[in-house]
Amino acid sequence: MNSTPQTIDPARIPAHVAIIMDGNGRWATSRGLERSAGHVEGVSTVRRITEEASALGINYLTLYTFSTENWNRPQEEVDALMHLIVTAIERETPDLIKNNVRLAAIGDLDRMPRESASRLRRCMADTGHCTGLVLVLALSYSSRWEIVEAARRLAARAVAGELSPDDIDESTISDALATAGMPDPDLLIRTGGDMRVSNFLLYQIAYTELAVTQTFWPDYSREDFRNHIAEYQRRQRRFGLTGEQISPGEEAPLPPTNPIIRTVIIHYATNDTTVFGFSDSSLRPESRRAGSRRHHLQPDSTLQRHAAHIRDCRNIRGRCAQLRRRPYIGLCRT
């Protein structure tokens, strides 16, 4: 990849970037080192890419940290990885707080050693008040596991009479996934050169732009990351349309998950606060609770393209920051 820094348009920063951090072991063995040395060096890369993502104004950065398939690696390597991951998270937590970064995790955390899972949850709680970048670690995660778990939860609701099969749509499934409440990734980056997605966010990356670099994760630099963002911005995202249907410099609107969309709102990404900023005051009062499933909220990476009249949400976002709540723009189906 061209190492010359590329110009980035601050108005077209992707809302969500996901990364498959591959090549740690190969980086180490190519230098005559133990594989664990590559994982240690990879932690430094996590730090600098997280800092760069935060500086660019990216909302979500999801890192494929440990897959469910990784449990099949030699036990010695698995133990070393678990210790390294949790120790690194604890060490970096003060800097995360300093940089206003909130830590989150997706995956089968119950499969982790109890002490490691407890320490991880403590770090997530310590950063829970942060309102900047959300750093999501995919730990003990695989997309097939996630989809199976979502199917089980929906089936249980159907058996209990809480959900009709006819009411299941893309929104229902999205809400049942581990990434519920997050926008789908705009850009997926894979280091290490392999041309596959390795069971990562399979449902969520339907319209995601893909970028693969031969660079191993420990060598992946801030400049590499910025160049991938610039490359993403040069692409035309058509979402099924033709290039002629899209104005130069713009991208097509993502087809809405739900066919009936009436209300644009600003919504707190918490379940204990009240939605505010309605553009339609006729919304049913019983649908105004932030945690309500009735209004089928969709997280924002493309929603502003469906609501072009909302141009500036800085006042509302500023108020959210004062209240230490993280807002996102959503569409409400009534």
Protein backbone atom coordinates (compact mmCIF):
# COMPACT_ATOMS: atom_id res chain seq x y z
CA MET A 1 0.00 0.00 0.00
CA ASN A 2 1.18 3.54 -0.76
CA SER A 3 2.92 4.84 2.36
CA THR A 4 2.46 8.48 1.36
CA PRO A 5 -0.16 10.03 3.68
CA GLN A 6 -3.41 10.68 1.83
CA THR A 7 -5.83 13.57 2.31
CA ILE A 8 -8.86 12.70 4.44
CA ASP A 9 -12.20 14.48 4.11
CA PRO A 10 -13.38 15.16 7.70
CA ALA A 11 -16.99 15.27 6.48
CA ARG A 12 -16.89 11.66 5.24
CA ILE A 13 -15.31 9.80 8.14
CA PRO A 14 -16.72 6.27 8.45
CA ALA A 15 -18.86 5.84 11.54
CA HIS A 16 -17.67 2.30 12.18
CA VAL A 17 -14.40 0.62 11.23
CA ALA A 18 -13.78 -3.07 11.93
CA ILE A 19 -10.35 -4.69 11.77
CA ILE A 20 -9.19 -8.29 11.53
CA MET A 21 -5.82 -8.01 13.27
CA ASP A 22 -3.93 -10.78 11.51
CA GLY A 23 -0.24 -11.62 11.22
CA ASN A 24 1.06 -11.42 14.78
CA GLY A 25 2.42 -14.97 14.76
CA ARG A 26 3.92 -14.68 11.28
CA TRP A 27 5.52 -11.37 12.22
CA ALA A 28 7.23 -13.08 15.16
CA THR A 29 8.34 -16.27 13.41
CA SER A 30 9.78 -14.27 10.51
CA ARG A 31 12.07 -12.67 13.10
CA GLY A 32 12.97 -15.92 14.83
CA LEU A 33 10.80 -15.07 17.86
CA GLU A 34 8.13 -16.97 19.75
CA ARG A 35 4.60 -16.37 18.45
CA SER A 36 3.71 -14.72 21.76
CA ALA A 37 6.17 -11.92 20.95
CA GLY A 38 4.00 -10.99 17.98
CA HIS A 39 0.93 -10.75 20.17
CA VAL A 40 2.79 -8.50 22.61
CA GLU A 41 3.91 -6.23 19.78
CA GLY A 42 0.37 -6.21 18.41
CA VAL A 43 -0.85 -4.52 21.61
CA SER A 44 1.20 -1.44 20.70
CA THR A 45 -0.56 -1.36 17.34
CA VAL A 46 -3.95 -1.50 19.06
CA ARG A 47 -2.96 1.54 21.10
CA ARG A 48 -1.86 3.69 18.17
CA ILE A 49 -4.77 2.74 15.90
CA THR A 50 -7.25 3.41 18.71
CA GLU A 51 -5.67 6.82 19.24
CA GLU A 52 -5.80 7.56 15.52
CA ALA A 53 -9.42 6.43 15.19
CA SER A 54 -10.39 8.66 18.11
CA ALA A 55 -8.52 11.62 16.62
CA LEU A 56 -10.28 11.16 13.27
CA GLY A 57 -13.72 11.18 14.90
CA ILE A 58 -14.66 7.56 14.17
CA ASN A 59 -17.51 6.48 16.43
CA TYR A 60 -16.89 2.73 16.65
CA LEU A 61 -13.72 0.68 16.23
CA THR A 62 -14.26 -3.09 16.43
CA LEU A 63 -11.19 -5.30 16.72
CA TYR A 64 -11.28 -9.05 16.12
CA THR A 65 -9.29 -9.94 19.21
CA PHE A 66 -9.93 -13.64 19.87
CA SER A 67 -12.24 -15.91 17.87
CA THR A 68 -14.10 -18.96 19.09
CA GLU A 69 -11.87 -20.97 16.74
CA ASN A 70 -8.82 -19.63 18.60
CA TRP A 71 -9.79 -21.80 21.57
CA ASN A 72 -8.49 -24.71 19.45
CA ARG A 73 -4.93 -23.36 19.45
CA PRO A 74 -2.29 -24.93 21.71
CA GLN A 75 -3.31 -24.42 25.34
CA GLU A 76 -0.06 -22.64 26.15
CA GLU A 77 -0.75 -20.01 23.49
CA VAL A 78 -4.39 -19.64 24.57
CA ASP A 79 -3.38 -19.08 28.20
CA ALA A 80 -0.74 -16.55 27.16
CA LEU A 81 -3.26 -14.70 24.98
CA MET A 82 -5.89 -14.51 27.71
CA HIS A 83 -3.35 -13.15 30.17
CA LEU A 84 -1.98 -10.68 27.64
CA ILE A 85 -5.40 -9.40 26.56
CA VAL A 86 -6.71 -8.73 30.04
CA THR A 87 -3.43 -7.34 31.38
CA ALA A 88 -3.13 -5.00 28.39
CA ILE A 89 -6.72 -3.81 28.83
CA GLU A 90 -6.14 -3.04 32.50
CA ARG A 91 -2.93 -1.21 31.70
CA GLU A 92 -4.58 0.86 28.96
CA THR A 93 -7.80 1.68 30.84
CA PRO A 94 -6.50 4.94 32.39
CA ASP A 95 -5.48 6.19 28.94
CA LEU A 96 -8.83 5.13 27.51
CA ILE A 97 -10.56 7.24 30.15
CA LYS A 98 -8.16 10.13 29.52
CA ASN A 99 -9.00 10.00 25.80
CA ASN A 100 -12.76 9.62 26.43
CA VAL A 101 -12.83 6.12 24.89
CA ARG A 102 -15.48 3.66 26.07
CA LEU A 103 -14.57 -0.02 26.10
CA ALA A 104 -17.10 -2.65 25.04
CA ALA A 105 -16.93 -6.33 24.16
CA ILE A 106 -18.92 -8.78 22.06
CA GLY A 107 -18.65 -12.55 22.14
CA ASP A 108 -19.13 -15.56 24.38
CA LEU A 109 -17.49 -14.01 27.45
CA ASP A 110 -18.81 -16.82 29.66
CA ARG A 111 -16.32 -19.10 27.95
CA MET A 112 -13.41 -16.99 29.17
CA PRO A 113 -11.66 -17.84 32.45
CA ARG A 114 -13.79 -16.40 35.24
CA GLU A 115 -11.09 -14.09 36.56
CA SER A 116 -10.27 -12.76 33.09
CA ALA A 117 -13.92 -12.07 32.33
CA SER A 118 -14.38 -10.31 35.68
CA ARG A 119 -11.36 -8.09 35.10
CA LEU A 120 -12.59 -7.25 31.60
CA ARG A 121 -16.05 -6.27 32.84
CA ARG A 122 -14.46 -4.09 35.52
CA CYS A 123 -12.53 -2.18 32.84
CA MET A 124 -15.69 -1.76 30.77
CA ALA A 125 -17.49 -0.37 33.80
CA ASP A 126 -14.61 2.03 34.51
CA THR A 127 -14.93 3.53 31.01
CA GLY A 128 -18.72 3.43 30.93
CA HIS A 129 -19.06 7.20 31.35
CA CYS A 130 -16.89 8.02 28.31
CA THR A 131 -18.67 9.59 25.34
CA GLY A 132 -16.08 9.45 22.55
CA LEU A 133 -14.92 6.52 20.47
CA VAL A 134 -16.38 3.13 21.41
CA LEU A 135 -13.63 0.50 21.27
CA VAL A 136 -15.31 -2.88 20.77
CA LEU A 137 -13.27 -6.01 21.39
CA ALA A 138 -14.59 -9.15 19.70
CA LEU A 139 -13.52 -11.74 22.29
CA SER A 140 -14.41 -15.42 22.13
CA TYR A 141 -16.46 -14.32 19.14
CA SER A 142 -17.53 -15.81 15.85
CA SER A 143 -20.33 -14.69 13.61
CA ARG A 144 -21.88 -18.13 13.29
CA TRP A 145 -21.99 -18.41 17.09
CA GLU A 146 -23.62 -14.98 17.23
CA ILE A 147 -26.26 -15.85 14.61
CA VAL A 148 -27.07 -19.18 16.28
CA GLU A 149 -27.50 -17.41 19.63
CA ALA A 150 -29.75 -14.80 18.02
CA ALA A 151 -31.87 -17.55 16.42
CA ARG A 152 -32.24 -19.28 19.77
CA ARG A 153 -33.37 -16.09 21.49
CA LEU A 154 -35.91 -15.30 18.77
CA ALA A 155 -37.20 -18.89 18.79
CA ALA A 156 -37.62 -18.73 22.57
CA ARG A 157 -39.61 -15.50 22.26
CA ALA A 158 -41.78 -17.08 19.57
CA VAL A 159 -42.45 -20.18 21.70
CA ALA A 160 -43.36 -17.93 24.63
CA GLY A 161 -45.85 -16.07 22.45
CA GLU A 162 -43.87 -12.82 22.62
CA LEU A 163 -42.98 -12.76 18.92
CA SER A 164 -44.88 -13.72 15.81
CA PRO A 165 -42.82 -15.22 12.99
CA ASP A 166 -44.54 -12.78 10.64
CA ASP A 167 -43.05 -9.88 12.61
CA ILE A 168 -39.46 -11.02 12.16
CA ASP A 169 -37.57 -8.72 9.81
CA GLU A 170 -34.01 -7.50 9.38
CA SER A 171 -34.45 -5.11 12.29
CA THR A 172 -35.58 -7.92 14.59
CA ILE A 173 -32.54 -9.98 13.73
CA SER A 174 -30.17 -7.01 14.09
CA ASP A 175 -31.58 -6.32 17.54
CA ALA A 176 -30.86 -9.92 18.57
CA LEU A 177 -27.20 -9.83 17.55
CA ALA A 178 -24.28 -9.02 19.83
CA THR A 179 -23.85 -5.74 17.96
CA ALA A 180 -27.39 -4.49 18.67
CA GLY A 181 -27.39 -0.70 18.90
CA MET A 182 -24.24 -0.32 16.80
CA PRO A 183 -24.09 0.80 13.18
CA ASP A 184 -22.90 -1.79 10.69
CA PRO A 185 -19.24 -1.37 9.75
CA ASP A 186 -18.58 1.04 6.89
CA LEU A 187 -15.07 -0.33 6.40
CA LEU A 188 -13.49 -3.69 7.23
CA ILE A 189 -9.68 -3.82 7.19
CA ARG A 190 -7.71 -7.06 7.28
CA THR A 191 -3.97 -7.08 7.87
CA GLY A 192 -1.69 -10.00 7.01
CA GLY A 193 -2.84 -10.47 3.41
CA ASP A 194 -5.38 -13.30 3.68
CA MET A 195 -8.42 -12.81 1.44
CA ARG A 196 -11.20 -14.00 3.75
CA VAL A 197 -13.41 -12.62 6.52
CA SER A 198 -12.83 -15.49 8.96
CA ASN A 199 -16.30 -15.75 10.51
CA PHE A 200 -16.31 -12.08 11.53
CA LEU A 201 -19.48 -9.94 11.50
CA LEU A 202 -20.94 -11.90 8.59
CA TYR A 203 -24.43 -10.44 8.93
CA GLN A 204 -23.24 -6.90 9.56
CA ILE A 205 -20.81 -6.52 6.64
CA ALA A 206 -23.36 -6.99 3.84
CA TYR A 207 -22.61 -3.49 2.51
CA THR A 208 -19.21 -2.94 4.12
CA GLU A 209 -16.22 -1.79 2.06
CA LEU A 210 -13.30 -4.24 2.31
CA ALA A 211 -9.58 -3.49 2.42
CA VAL A 212 -6.76 -6.05 2.70
CA THR A 213 -3.11 -5.24 3.26
CA GLN A 214 -0.08 -7.54 3.23
CA THR A 215 1.27 -5.68 6.26
CA PHE A 216 1.30 -7.76 9.45
CA TRP A 217 -0.63 -6.25 12.35
CA PRO A 218 2.44 -5.36 14.48
CA ASP A 219 3.78 -3.26 11.57
CA TYR A 220 0.46 -1.57 10.77
CA SER A 221 0.99 2.16 11.21
CA ARG A 222 -1.08 5.28 11.73
CA GLU A 223 -0.27 6.21 8.13
CA ASP A 224 -1.52 2.82 6.91
CA PHE A 225 -4.78 3.37 8.77
CA ARG A 226 -5.24 6.91 7.46
CA ASN A 227 -4.52 5.71 3.92
CA HIS A 228 -7.20 3.05 4.27
CA ILE A 229 -9.68 5.72 5.41
CA ALA A 230 -8.71 7.87 2.42
CA GLU A 231 -9.11 4.87 0.10
CA TYR A 232 -12.56 4.23 1.56
CA GLN A 233 -13.53 7.84 0.87
CA ARG A 234 -12.50 7.52 -2.79
CA ARG A 235 -14.89 4.62 -3.35
CA GLN A 236 -18.44 5.04 -4.62
CA ARG A 237 -20.85 3.13 -2.41
CA ARG A 238 -23.78 2.23 -4.66
CA PHE A 239 -25.83 -0.20 -2.52
CA GLY A 240 -27.35 -1.83 -5.60
CA LEU A 241 -27.80 1.32 -7.69
CA THR A 242 -25.84 2.20 -10.82
CA GLY A 243 -23.08 4.78 -10.81
CA GLU A 244 -25.24 7.02 -13.01
CA GLN A 245 -27.90 7.17 -10.31
CA ILE A 246 -25.51 8.71 -7.82
CA SER A 247 -24.23 12.27 -7.88
CA PRO A 248 -20.43 12.69 -8.11
CA GLY A 249 -18.80 12.71 -4.68
CA GLU A 250 -21.85 11.16 -3.02
CA GLU A 251 -22.96 7.64 -2.25
CA ALA A 252 -26.27 5.90 -2.53
CA PRO A 253 -28.54 5.65 0.52
CA LEU A 254 -28.45 2.26 2.16
CA PRO A 255 -31.78 0.51 1.54
CA PRO A 256 -33.80 0.93 4.74
CA THR A 257 -34.20 -2.12 6.91
CA ASN A 258 -37.87 -1.32 7.49
CA PRO A 259 -40.18 -0.20 4.67
CA ILE A 260 -42.27 2.20 6.79
CA ILE A 261 -40.20 4.98 8.34
CA ARG A 262 -41.91 8.10 9.62
CA THR A 263 -39.96 9.77 12.36
CA VAL A 264 -36.42 11.01 12.72
CA ILE A 265 -35.18 11.20 16.29
CA ILE A 266 -32.10 11.66 18.37
CA HIS A 267 -31.78 8.73 20.73
CA TYR A 268 -29.55 8.03 23.70
CA ALA A 269 -27.69 4.74 23.44
CA THR A 270 -28.88 3.75 26.90
CA ASN A 271 -32.02 2.17 28.22
CA ASP A 272 -32.57 4.43 31.21
CA THR A 273 -33.10 7.82 29.60
CA THR A 274 -35.81 9.47 27.57
CA VAL A 275 -35.60 10.01 23.85
CA PHE A 276 -35.62 13.68 22.83
CA GLY A 277 -35.33 15.72 19.67
CA PHE A 278 -38.42 14.36 17.94
CA SER A 279 -39.23 15.81 14.54
CA ASP A 280 -42.71 14.38 14.79
CA SER A 281 -44.54 15.26 18.00
CA SER A 282 -47.33 12.85 17.14
CA LEU A 283 -45.23 9.82 18.08
CA ARG A 284 -47.21 7.67 20.46
CA PRO A 285 -46.24 8.42 24.08
CA GLU A 286 -45.86 4.74 24.86
CA SER A 287 -43.13 4.53 22.19
CA ARG A 288 -40.95 7.23 23.69
CA ARG A 289 -38.99 5.10 26.12
CA ALA A 290 -35.43 4.67 24.94
CA GLY A 291 -35.50 0.96 25.64
CA SER A 292 -38.75 0.30 23.81
CA ARG A 293 -38.61 -2.21 20.99
CA ARG A 294 -41.82 -0.78 19.59
CA HIS A 295 -40.11 1.85 17.49
CA HIS A 296 -37.42 -0.41 15.93
CA LEU A 297 -34.53 2.04 16.19
CA GLN A 298 -31.74 1.81 13.67
CA PRO A 299 -28.21 3.02 14.58
CA ASP A 300 -26.62 5.64 12.38
CA SER A 301 -23.91 5.29 9.82
CA THR A 302 -26.11 5.96 6.80
CA LEU A 303 -29.34 7.27 8.28
CA GLN A 304 -28.57 10.92 7.65
CA ARG A 305 -28.80 10.08 3.99
CA HIS A 306 -32.44 9.16 4.62
CA ALA A 307 -33.04 12.43 6.48
CA ALA A 308 -31.21 15.10 4.55
CA HIS A 309 -33.05 17.89 6.36
CA ILE A 310 -31.09 17.09 9.52
CA ARG A 311 -27.83 18.87 8.83
CA ASP A 312 -26.51 19.88 12.19
CA CYS A 313 -26.99 17.92 15.39
CA ARG A 314 -24.19 19.60 17.28
CA ASN A 315 -26.47 21.30 19.82
CA ILE A 316 -28.18 18.04 20.69
CA ARG A 317 -24.89 16.13 20.70
CA GLY A 318 -23.42 18.79 22.98
CA ARG A 319 -26.29 18.37 25.40
CA CYS A 320 -25.77 14.62 25.34
CA ALA A 321 -22.13 15.14 26.18
CA GLN A 322 -23.09 17.26 29.17
CA LEU A 323 -25.36 14.48 30.38
CA ARG A 324 -22.64 11.88 29.67
CA ARG A 325 -24.86 10.04 27.23
CA ARG A 326 -23.84 8.86 23.77
CA PRO A 327 -26.47 9.76 21.17
CA TYR A 328 -27.01 8.35 17.77
CA ILE A 329 -29.33 9.43 15.02
CA GLY A 330 -32.06 6.95 14.37
CA LEU A 331 -35.20 6.36 12.39
CA CYS A 332 -38.42 5.44 14.11
CA ARG A 333 -41.07 3.23 12.56
CA THR A 334 -44.49 3.81 14.11
